[in-house]
């Protein structure tokens, strides 16, 4: 049973972090059990799809709490991704 609809969000950092990350994407994915998990993708350069790394979270709240601790981004820091942006993101696990 699907518990929620996945969300697809983008947040830019005001300044690059110590690793050079300039943007984050929260990419919601529905599991075969109908649960929604979130991949937080860290970008060196979002426009050129230059990825620094990612981390999988078991819930939206867990992802947002961790991002707040690491980057001081609040929920209002995020914007919805456009359909074109969603389609160009490679969020495969494996």
PDB file of N, CA and C in Angstrom:
ATOM      1  N   UNK A   1       0.835  -1.181   0.000  1.00  0.00           N
ATOM      2  CA  UNK A   1       0.000   0.000   0.000  1.00  0.00           C
ATOM      3  C   UNK A   1       0.886   1.252   0.000  1.00  0.00           C
ATOM      4  N   UNK A   2       0.612   2.159  -0.913  1.00  0.00           N
ATOM      5  CA  UNK A   2       1.383   3.410  -0.984  1.00  0.00           C
ATOM      6  C   UNK A   2       0.943   4.318   0.156  1.00  0.00           C
ATOM      7  N   UNK A   3       1.917   4.768   0.943  1.00  0.00           N
ATOM      8  CA  UNK A   3       1.616   5.599   2.100  1.00  0.00           C
ATOM      9  C   UNK A   3       1.666   7.093   1.770  1.00  0.00           C
ATOM     10  N   UNK A   4       2.392   7.471   0.731  1.00  0.00           N
ATOM     11  CA  UNK A   4       2.511   8.872   0.336  1.00  0.00           C
ATOM     12  C   UNK A   4       2.995   8.928  -1.104  1.00  0.00           C
ATOM     13  N   UNK A   5       2.830  10.067  -1.733  1.00  0.00           N
ATOM     14  CA  UNK A   5       3.389  10.268  -3.068  1.00  0.00           C
ATOM     15  C   UNK A   5       4.825  10.745  -2.928  1.00  0.00           C
ATOM     16  N   UNK A   6       5.737  10.224  -3.741  1.00  0.00           N
ATOM     17  CA  UNK A   6       7.121  10.690  -3.667  1.00  0.00           C
ATOM     18  C   UNK A   6       7.220  12.154  -4.059  1.00  0.00           C
ATOM     19  N   UNK A   7       8.181  12.832  -3.478  1.00  0.00           N
ATOM     20  CA  UNK A   7       8.446  14.236  -3.792  1.00  0.00           C
ATOM     21  C   UNK A   7       9.808  14.328  -4.454  1.00  0.00           C
ATOM     22  N   UNK A   8       9.968  15.390  -5.251  1.00  0.00           N
ATOM     23  CA  UNK A   8      11.217  15.632  -5.992  1.00  0.00           C
ATOM     24  C   UNK A   8      11.571  17.099  -5.797  1.00  0.00           C
ATOM     25  N   UNK A   9      12.638  17.349  -5.034  1.00  0.00           N
ATOM     26  CA  UNK A   9      12.960  18.707  -4.611  1.00  0.00           C
ATOM     27  C   UNK A   9      14.419  19.065  -4.881  1.00  0.00           C
ATOM     28  N   UNK A  10      14.680  20.358  -4.995  1.00  0.00           N
ATOM     29  CA  UNK A  10      16.027  20.886  -5.211  1.00  0.00           C
ATOM     30  C   UNK A  10      16.288  22.006  -4.210  1.00  0.00           C
ATOM     31  N   UNK A  11      17.512  22.053  -3.696  1.00  0.00           N
ATOM     32  CA  UNK A  11      17.944  23.160  -2.843  1.00  0.00           C
ATOM     33  C   UNK A  11      19.374  23.522  -3.207  1.00  0.00           C
ATOM     34  N   UNK A  12      19.602  24.792  -3.442  1.00  0.00           N
ATOM     35  CA  UNK A  12      20.954  25.285  -3.684  1.00  0.00           C
ATOM     36  C   UNK A  12      21.565  25.778  -2.389  1.00  0.00           C
ATOM     37  N   UNK A  13      22.871  25.581  -2.232  1.00  0.00           N
ATOM     38  CA  UNK A  13      23.572  26.093  -1.059  1.00  0.00           C
ATOM     39  C   UNK A  13      24.056  27.504  -1.349  1.00  0.00           C
ATOM     40  N   UNK A  14      24.028  28.372  -0.344  1.00  0.00           N
ATOM     41  CA  UNK A  14      24.503  29.740  -0.541  1.00  0.00           C
ATOM     42  C   UNK A  14      25.985  29.767  -0.889  1.00  0.00           C
ATOM     43  N   UNK A  15      26.749  28.905  -0.254  1.00  0.00           N
ATOM     44  CA  UNK A  15      28.187  28.763  -0.510  1.00  0.00           C
ATOM     45  C   UNK A  15      28.503  27.276  -0.593  1.00  0.00           C
ATOM     46  N   UNK A  16      29.452  26.866  -1.437  1.00  0.00           N
ATOM     47  CA  UNK A  16      29.839  25.447  -1.462  1.00  0.00           C
ATOM     48  C   UNK A  16      30.324  25.000  -0.083  1.00  0.00           C
ATOM     49  N   UNK A  17      30.029  23.752   0.272  1.00  0.00           N
ATOM     50  CA  UNK A  17      30.539  23.230   1.541  1.00  0.00           C
ATOM     51  C   UNK A  17      32.003  22.847   1.385  1.00  0.00           C
ATOM     52  N   UNK A  18      32.592  22.262   2.429  1.00  0.00           N
ATOM     53  CA  UNK A  18      34.021  21.934   2.406  1.00  0.00           C
ATOM     54  C   UNK A  18      34.374  20.891   1.349  1.00  0.00           C
ATOM     55  N   UNK A  19      33.376  20.136   0.881  1.00  0.00           N
ATOM     56  CA  UNK A  19      33.607  19.146  -0.179  1.00  0.00           C
ATOM     57  C   UNK A  19      33.310  19.696  -1.569  1.00  0.00           C
ATOM     58  N   UNK A  20      32.844  20.944  -1.634  1.00  0.00           N
ATOM     59  CA  UNK A  20      32.523  21.540  -2.927  1.00  0.00           C
ATOM     60  C   UNK A  20      31.087  21.349  -3.370  1.00  0.00           C
ATOM     61  N   UNK A  21      30.232  20.820  -2.490  1.00  0.00           N
ATOM     62  CA  UNK A  21      28.817  20.616  -2.827  1.00  0.00           C
ATOM     63  C   UNK A  21      28.121  21.968  -2.918  1.00  0.00           C
ATOM     64  N   UNK A  22      27.369  22.162  -4.015  1.00  0.00           N
ATOM     65  CA  UNK A  22      26.659  23.429  -4.221  1.00  0.00           C
ATOM     66  C   UNK A  22      25.144  23.270  -4.253  1.00  0.00           C
ATOM     67  N   UNK A  23      24.644  22.026  -4.394  1.00  0.00           N
ATOM     68  CA  UNK A  23      23.203  21.801  -4.484  1.00  0.00           C
ATOM     69  C   UNK A  23      22.852  20.396  -4.041  1.00  0.00           C
ATOM     70  N   UNK A  24      21.600  20.235  -3.621  1.00  0.00           N
ATOM     71  CA  UNK A  24      21.080  18.940  -3.206  1.00  0.00           C
ATOM     72  C   UNK A  24      19.762  18.675  -3.923  1.00  0.00           C
ATOM     73  N   UNK A  25      19.492  17.407  -4.181  1.00  0.00           N
ATOM     74  CA  UNK A  25      18.196  16.975  -4.681  1.00  0.00           C
ATOM     75  C   UNK A  25      17.668  15.909  -3.736  1.00  0.00           C
ATOM     76  N   UNK A  26      16.402  16.037  -3.364  1.00  0.00           N
ATOM     77  CA  UNK A  26      15.689  15.002  -2.616  1.00  0.00           C
ATOM     78  C   UNK A  26      14.803  14.287  -3.628  1.00  0.00           C
ATOM     79  N   UNK A  27      15.108  13.023  -3.882  1.00  0.00           N
ATOM     80  CA  UNK A  27      14.440  12.255  -4.930  1.00  0.00           C
ATOM     81  C   UNK A  27      13.668  11.113  -4.288  1.00  0.00           C
ATOM     82  N   UNK A  28      12.349  11.210  -4.301  1.00  0.00           N
ATOM     83  CA  UNK A  28      11.505  10.191  -3.696  1.00  0.00           C
ATOM     84  C   UNK A  28      11.327   8.990  -4.608  1.00  0.00           C
ATOM     85  N   UNK A  29      11.404   7.806  -4.024  1.00  0.00           N
ATOM     86  CA  UNK A  29      11.243   6.563  -4.776  1.00  0.00           C
ATOM     87  C   UNK A  29      10.321   5.630  -3.998  1.00  0.00           C
ATOM     88  N   UNK A  30       9.411   4.987  -4.705  1.00  0.00           N
ATOM     89  CA  UNK A  30       8.488   4.058  -4.075  1.00  0.00           C
ATOM     90  C   UNK A  30       9.065   2.649  -4.142  1.00  0.00           C
ATOM     91  N   UNK A  31       9.118   1.983  -2.995  1.00  0.00           N
ATOM     92  CA  UNK A  31       9.633   0.618  -2.927  1.00  0.00           C
ATOM     93  C   UNK A  31       8.575  -0.364  -3.413  1.00  0.00           C
ATOM     94  N   UNK A  32       8.967  -1.593  -3.587  1.00  0.00           N
ATOM     95  CA  UNK A  32       8.013  -2.627  -3.996  1.00  0.00           C
ATOM     96  C   UNK A  32       6.947  -2.869  -2.924  1.00  0.00           C
ATOM     97  N   UNK A  33       7.217  -2.455  -1.684  1.00  0.00           N
ATOM     98  CA  UNK A  33       6.248  -2.568  -0.592  1.00  0.00           C
ATOM     99  C   UNK A  33       5.331  -1.354  -0.509  1.00  0.00           C
ATOM    100  N   UNK A  34       5.530  -0.364  -1.408  1.00  0.00           N
ATOM    101  CA  UNK A  34       4.691   0.826  -1.417  1.00  0.00           C
ATOM    102  C   UNK A  34       5.151   1.932  -0.490  1.00  0.00           C
ATOM    103  N   UNK A  35       6.299   1.748   0.149  1.00  0.00           N
ATOM    104  CA  UNK A  35       6.852   2.792   1.009  1.00  0.00           C
ATOM    105  C   UNK A  35       7.658   3.764   0.153  1.00  0.00           C
ATOM    106  N   UNK A  36       7.723   5.022   0.592  1.00  0.00           N
ATOM    107  CA  UNK A  36       8.517   6.017  -0.132  1.00  0.00           C
ATOM    108  C   UNK A  36       9.801   6.266   0.637  1.00  0.00           C
ATOM    109  N   UNK A  37      10.930   6.100  -0.049  1.00  0.00           N
ATOM    110  CA  UNK A  37      12.247   6.396   0.505  1.00  0.00           C
ATOM    111  C   UNK A  37      12.833   7.567  -0.281  1.00  0.00           C
ATOM    112  N   UNK A  38      13.840   8.209   0.292  1.00  0.00           N
ATOM    113  CA  UNK A  38      14.410   9.396  -0.348  1.00  0.00           C
ATOM    114  C   UNK A  38      15.911   9.266  -0.525  1.00  0.00           C
ATOM    115  N   UNK A  39      16.330   9.534  -1.749  1.00  0.00           N
ATOM    116  CA  UNK A  39      17.742   9.619  -2.065  1.00  0.00           C
ATOM    117  C   UNK A  39      18.104  11.104  -2.070  1.00  0.00           C
ATOM    118  N   UNK A  40      19.033  11.488  -1.194  1.00  0.00           N
ATOM    119  CA  UNK A  40      19.558  12.854  -1.219  1.00  0.00           C
ATOM    120  C   UNK A  40      20.820  12.795  -2.070  1.00  0.00           C
ATOM    121  N   UNK A  41      20.786  13.508  -3.182  1.00  0.00           N
ATOM    122  CA  UNK A  41      21.913  13.532  -4.126  1.00  0.00           C
ATOM    123  C   UNK A  41      22.636  14.868  -3.942  1.00  0.00           C
ATOM    124  N   UNK A  42      23.949  14.786  -3.725  1.00  0.00           N
ATOM    125  CA  UNK A  42      24.782  15.977  -3.532  1.00  0.00           C
ATOM    126  C   UNK A  42      25.500  16.303  -4.846  1.00  0.00           C
ATOM    127  N   UNK A  43      25.420  17.550  -5.260  1.00  0.00           N
ATOM    128  CA  UNK A  43      25.994  17.967  -6.540  1.00  0.00           C
ATOM    129  C   UNK A  43      27.140  18.956  -6.358  1.00  0.00           C
ATOM    130  N   UNK A  44      28.216  18.723  -7.121  1.00  0.00           N
ATOM    131  CA  UNK A  44      29.237  19.758  -7.303  1.00  0.00           C
ATOM    132  C   UNK A  44      28.644  20.847  -8.204  1.00  0.00           C
ATOM    133  N   UNK A  45      27.979  20.397  -9.272  1.00  0.00           N
ATOM    134  CA  UNK A  45      27.399  21.305 -10.273  1.00  0.00           C
ATOM    135  C   UNK A  45      26.095  20.690 -10.774  1.00  0.00           C
ATOM    136  N   UNK A  46      24.982  21.209 -10.275  1.00  0.00           N
ATOM    137  CA  UNK A  46      23.677  20.648 -10.623  1.00  0.00           C
ATOM    138  C   UNK A  46      23.373  20.789 -12.106  1.00  0.00           C
ATOM    139  N   UNK A  47      23.649  21.948 -12.678  1.00  0.00           N
ATOM    140  CA  UNK A  47      23.316  22.206 -14.083  1.00  0.00           C
ATOM    141  C   UNK A  47      24.047  21.247 -15.031  1.00  0.00           C
ATOM    142  N   UNK A  48      25.250  20.836 -14.661  1.00  0.00           N
ATOM    143  CA  UNK A  48      26.041  19.928 -15.503  1.00  0.00           C
ATOM    144  C   UNK A  48      26.010  18.483 -14.997  1.00  0.00           C
ATOM    145  N   UNK A  49      25.118  18.201 -14.048  1.00  0.00           N
ATOM    146  CA  UNK A  49      24.928  16.854 -13.510  1.00  0.00           C
ATOM    147  C   UNK A  49      26.221  16.251 -12.947  1.00  0.00           C
ATOM    148  N   UNK A  50      27.012  17.073 -12.283  1.00  0.00           N
ATOM    149  CA  UNK A  50      28.243  16.615 -11.654  1.00  0.00           C
ATOM    150  C   UNK A  50      27.938  16.260 -10.190  1.00  0.00           C
ATOM    151  N   UNK A  51      27.843  14.961  -9.914  1.00  0.00           N
ATOM    152  CA  UNK A  51      27.412  14.457  -8.613  1.00  0.00           C
ATOM    153  C   UNK A  51      28.608  14.185  -7.714  1.00  0.00           C
ATOM    154  N   UNK A  52      28.494  14.607  -6.442  1.00  0.00           N
ATOM    155  CA  UNK A  52      29.515  14.327  -5.437  1.00  0.00           C
ATOM    156  C   UNK A  52      29.221  12.995  -4.749  1.00  0.00           C
ATOM    157  N   UNK A  53      27.938  12.709  -4.507  1.00  0.00           N
ATOM    158  CA  UNK A  53      27.555  11.473  -3.830  1.00  0.00           C
ATOM    159  C   UNK A  53      26.086  11.500  -3.472  1.00  0.00           C
ATOM    160  N   UNK A  54      25.650  10.483  -2.751  1.00  0.00           N
ATOM    161  CA  UNK A  54      24.247  10.427  -2.347  1.00  0.00           C
ATOM    162  C   UNK A  54      24.110   9.614  -1.071  1.00  0.00           C
ATOM    163  N   UNK A  55      22.920   9.665  -0.510  1.00  0.00           N
ATOM    164  CA  UNK A  55      22.613   8.901   0.703  1.00  0.00           C
ATOM    165  C   UNK A  55      21.131   8.578   0.690  1.00  0.00           C
ATOM    166  N   UNK A  56      20.784   7.358   1.076  1.00  0.00           N
ATOM    167  CA  UNK A  56      19.400   6.907   1.099  1.00  0.00           C
ATOM    168  C   UNK A  56      18.810   7.059   2.496  1.00  0.00           C
ATOM    169  N   UNK A  57      17.606   7.613   2.556  1.00  0.00           N
ATOM    170  CA  UNK A  57      16.876   7.787   3.811  1.00  0.00           C
ATOM    171  C   UNK A  57      15.553   7.042   3.727  1.00  0.00           C
ATOM    172  N   UNK A  58      15.110   6.511   4.836  1.00  0.00           N
ATOM    173  CA  UNK A  58      13.899   5.702   4.855  1.00  0.00           C
ATOM    174  C   UNK A  58      12.620   6.533   4.928  1.00  0.00           C
ATOM    175  N   UNK A  59      12.735   7.855   5.122  1.00  0.00           N
ATOM    176  CA  UNK A  59      11.543   8.712   5.144  1.00  0.00           C
ATOM    177  C   UNK A  59      11.933  10.141   4.771  1.00  0.00           C
ATOM    178  N   UNK A  60      10.936  10.901   4.367  1.00  0.00           N
ATOM    179  CA  UNK A  60      11.139  12.317   4.043  1.00  0.00           C
ATOM    180  C   UNK A  60      11.614  13.080   5.278  1.00  0.00           C
ATOM    181  N   UNK A  61      10.978  12.831   6.420  1.00  0.00           N
ATOM    182  CA  UNK A  61      11.359  13.549   7.644  1.00  0.00           C
ATOM    183  C   UNK A  61      12.794  13.258   8.047  1.00  0.00           C
ATOM    184  N   UNK A  62      13.219  12.005   7.934  1.00  0.00           N
ATOM    185  CA  UNK A  62      14.603  11.641   8.257  1.00  0.00           C
ATOM    186  C   UNK A  62      15.574  12.387   7.337  1.00  0.00           C
ATOM    187  N   UNK A  63      15.254  12.442   6.045  1.00  0.00           N
ATOM    188  CA  UNK A  63      16.110  13.140   5.084  1.00  0.00           C
ATOM    189  C   UNK A  63      16.193  14.627   5.412  1.00  0.00           C
ATOM    190  N   UNK A  64      15.050  15.249   5.679  1.00  0.00           N
ATOM    191  CA  UNK A  64      15.035  16.688   5.961  1.00  0.00           C
ATOM    192  C   UNK A  64      15.754  17.016   7.266  1.00  0.00           C
ATOM    193  N   UNK A  65      15.600  16.170   8.273  1.00  0.00           N
ATOM    194  CA  UNK A  65      16.300  16.390   9.548  1.00  0.00           C
ATOM    195  C   UNK A  65      17.811  16.331   9.353  1.00  0.00           C
ATOM    196  N   UNK A  66      18.284  15.347   8.593  1.00  0.00           N
ATOM    197  CA  UNK A  66      19.719  15.198   8.363  1.00  0.00           C
ATOM    198  C   UNK A  66      20.277  16.353   7.536  1.00  0.00           C
ATOM    199  N   UNK A  67      19.543  16.755   6.513  1.00  0.00           N
ATOM    200  CA  UNK A  67      19.975  17.875   5.671  1.00  0.00           C
ATOM    201  C   UNK A  67      20.023  19.165   6.478  1.00  0.00           C
ATOM    202  N   UNK A  68      19.080  19.337   7.393  1.00  0.00           N
ATOM    203  CA  UNK A  68      19.104  20.520   8.254  1.00  0.00           C
ATOM    204  C   UNK A  68      20.356  20.514   9.120  1.00  0.00           C
ATOM    205  N   UNK A  69      20.689  19.349   9.703  1.00  0.00           N
ATOM    206  CA  UNK A  69      21.883  19.255  10.553  1.00  0.00           C
ATOM    207  C   UNK A  69      23.166  19.512   9.764  1.00  0.00           C
ATOM    208  N   UNK A  70      23.242  18.966   8.552  1.00  0.00           N
ATOM    209  CA  UNK A  70      24.472  19.070   7.768  1.00  0.00           C
ATOM    210  C   UNK A  70      24.623  20.380   7.001  1.00  0.00           C
ATOM    211  N   UNK A  71      23.493  20.953   6.539  1.00  0.00           N
ATOM    212  CA  UNK A  71      23.565  22.111   5.646  1.00  0.00           C
ATOM    213  C   UNK A  71      22.734  23.300   6.107  1.00  0.00           C
ATOM    214  N   UNK A  72      22.034  23.180   7.227  1.00  0.00           N
ATOM    215  CA  UNK A  72      21.163  24.237   7.753  1.00  0.00           C
ATOM    216  C   UNK A  72      20.066  24.631   6.756  1.00  0.00           C
ATOM    217  N   UNK A  73      19.643  23.661   5.934  1.00  0.00           N
ATOM    218  CA  UNK A  73      18.547  23.921   5.002  1.00  0.00           C
ATOM    219  C   UNK A  73      17.224  23.575   5.686  1.00  0.00           C
ATOM    220  N   UNK A  74      16.295  24.496   5.652  1.00  0.00           N
ATOM    221  CA  UNK A  74      14.967  24.254   6.197  1.00  0.00           C
ATOM    222  C   UNK A  74      14.051  23.784   5.069  1.00  0.00           C
ATOM    223  N   UNK A  75      12.861  23.382   5.403  1.00  0.00           N
ATOM    224  CA  UNK A  75      11.923  22.916   4.370  1.00  0.00           C
ATOM    225  C   UNK A  75      11.586  24.016   3.376  1.00  0.00           C
ATOM    226  N   UNK A  76      11.653  25.273   3.801  1.00  0.00           N
ATOM    227  CA  UNK A  76      11.369  26.376   2.874  1.00  0.00           C
ATOM    228  C   UNK A  76      12.537  26.653   1.923  1.00  0.00           C
ATOM    229  N   UNK A  77      13.679  25.992   2.129  1.00  0.00           N
ATOM    230  CA  UNK A  77      14.848  26.151   1.254  1.00  0.00           C
ATOM    231  C   UNK A  77      14.692  25.391  -0.059  1.00  0.00           C
ATOM    232  N   UNK A  78      13.719  24.504  -0.126  1.00  0.00           N
ATOM    233  CA  UNK A  78      13.560  23.598  -1.259  1.00  0.00           C
ATOM    234  C   UNK A  78      12.523  24.107  -2.248  1.00  0.00           C
ATOM    235  N   UNK A  79      12.708  23.750  -3.515  1.00  0.00           N
ATOM    236  CA  UNK A  79      11.699  24.004  -4.543  1.00  0.00           C
ATOM    237  C   UNK A  79      11.385  22.685  -5.235  1.00  0.00           C
ATOM    238  N   UNK A  80      10.194  22.585  -5.794  1.00  0.00           N
ATOM    239  CA  UNK A  80       9.815  21.390  -6.539  1.00  0.00           C
ATOM    240  C   UNK A  80      10.617  21.329  -7.837  1.00  0.00           C
ATOM    241  N   UNK A  81      11.027  20.135  -8.234  1.00  0.00           N
ATOM    242  CA  UNK A  81      11.690  19.949  -9.519  1.00  0.00           C
ATOM    243  C   UNK A  81      10.648  19.954 -10.631  1.00  0.00           C
ATOM    244  N   UNK A  82      11.035  20.461 -11.786  1.00  0.00           N
ATOM    245  CA  UNK A  82      10.171  20.390 -12.956  1.00  0.00           C
ATOM    246  C   UNK A  82      10.181  18.955 -13.487  1.00  0.00           C
ATOM    247  N   UNK A  83       9.227  18.640 -14.337  1.00  0.00           N
ATOM    248  CA  UNK A  83       9.178  17.306 -14.948  1.00  0.00           C
ATOM    249  C   UNK A  83      10.458  17.023 -15.716  1.00  0.00           C
ATOM    250  N   UNK A  84      10.978  18.002 -16.429  1.00  0.00           N
ATOM    251  CA  UNK A  84      12.224  17.825 -17.190  1.00  0.00           C
ATOM    252  C   UNK A  84      13.396  17.509 -16.260  1.00  0.00           C
ATOM    253  N   UNK A  85      13.459  18.196 -15.127  1.00  0.00           N
ATOM    254  CA  UNK A  85      14.527  17.933 -14.165  1.00  0.00           C
ATOM    255  C   UNK A  85      14.415  16.518 -13.588  1.00  0.00           C
ATOM    256  N   UNK A  86      13.212  16.110 -13.258  1.00  0.00           N
ATOM    257  CA  UNK A  86      13.001  14.769 -12.695  1.00  0.00           C
ATOM    258  C   UNK A  86      13.475  13.705 -13.683  1.00  0.00           C
ATOM    259  N   UNK A  87      13.157  13.889 -14.943  1.00  0.00           N
ATOM    260  CA  UNK A  87      13.508  12.890 -15.959  1.00  0.00           C
ATOM    261  C   UNK A  87      15.006  12.783 -16.209  1.00  0.00           C
ATOM    262  N   UNK A  88      15.767  13.853 -15.960  1.00  0.00           N
ATOM    263  CA  UNK A  88      17.207  13.795 -16.260  1.00  0.00           C
ATOM    264  C   UNK A  88      18.039  13.279 -15.077  1.00  0.00           C
ATOM    265  N   UNK A  89      17.418  13.107 -13.921  1.00  0.00           N
ATOM    266  CA  UNK A  89      18.149  12.640 -12.734  1.00  0.00           C
ATOM    267  C   UNK A  89      18.256  11.129 -12.754  1.00  0.00           C
ATOM    268  N   UNK A  90      19.476  10.641 -12.563  1.00  0.00           N
ATOM    269  CA  UNK A  90      19.736   9.209 -12.490  1.00  0.00           C
ATOM    270  C   UNK A  90      19.717   8.813 -11.021  1.00  0.00           C
ATOM    271  N   UNK A  91      18.611   8.266 -10.569  1.00  0.00           N
ATOM    272  CA  UNK A  91      18.473   7.917  -9.156  1.00  0.00           C
ATOM    273  C   UNK A  91      18.376   6.402  -8.961  1.00  0.00           C
ATOM    274  N   UNK A  92      19.054   5.663  -9.801  1.00  0.00           N
ATOM    275  CA  UNK A  92      19.039   4.206  -9.646  1.00  0.00           C
ATOM    276  C   UNK A  92      19.883   3.806  -8.441  1.00  0.00           C
ATOM    277  N   UNK A  93      19.435   2.783  -7.773  1.00  0.00           N
ATOM    278  CA  UNK A  93      20.205   2.229  -6.655  1.00  0.00           C
ATOM    279  C   UNK A  93      20.785   0.898  -7.117  1.00  0.00           C
ATOM    280  N   UNK A  94      22.060   0.741  -6.888  1.00  0.00           N
ATOM    281  CA  UNK A  94      22.655  -0.540  -7.266  1.00  0.00           C
ATOM    282  C   UNK A  94      24.038  -0.399  -7.779  1.00  0.00           C
TER     283      UNK A  94
END
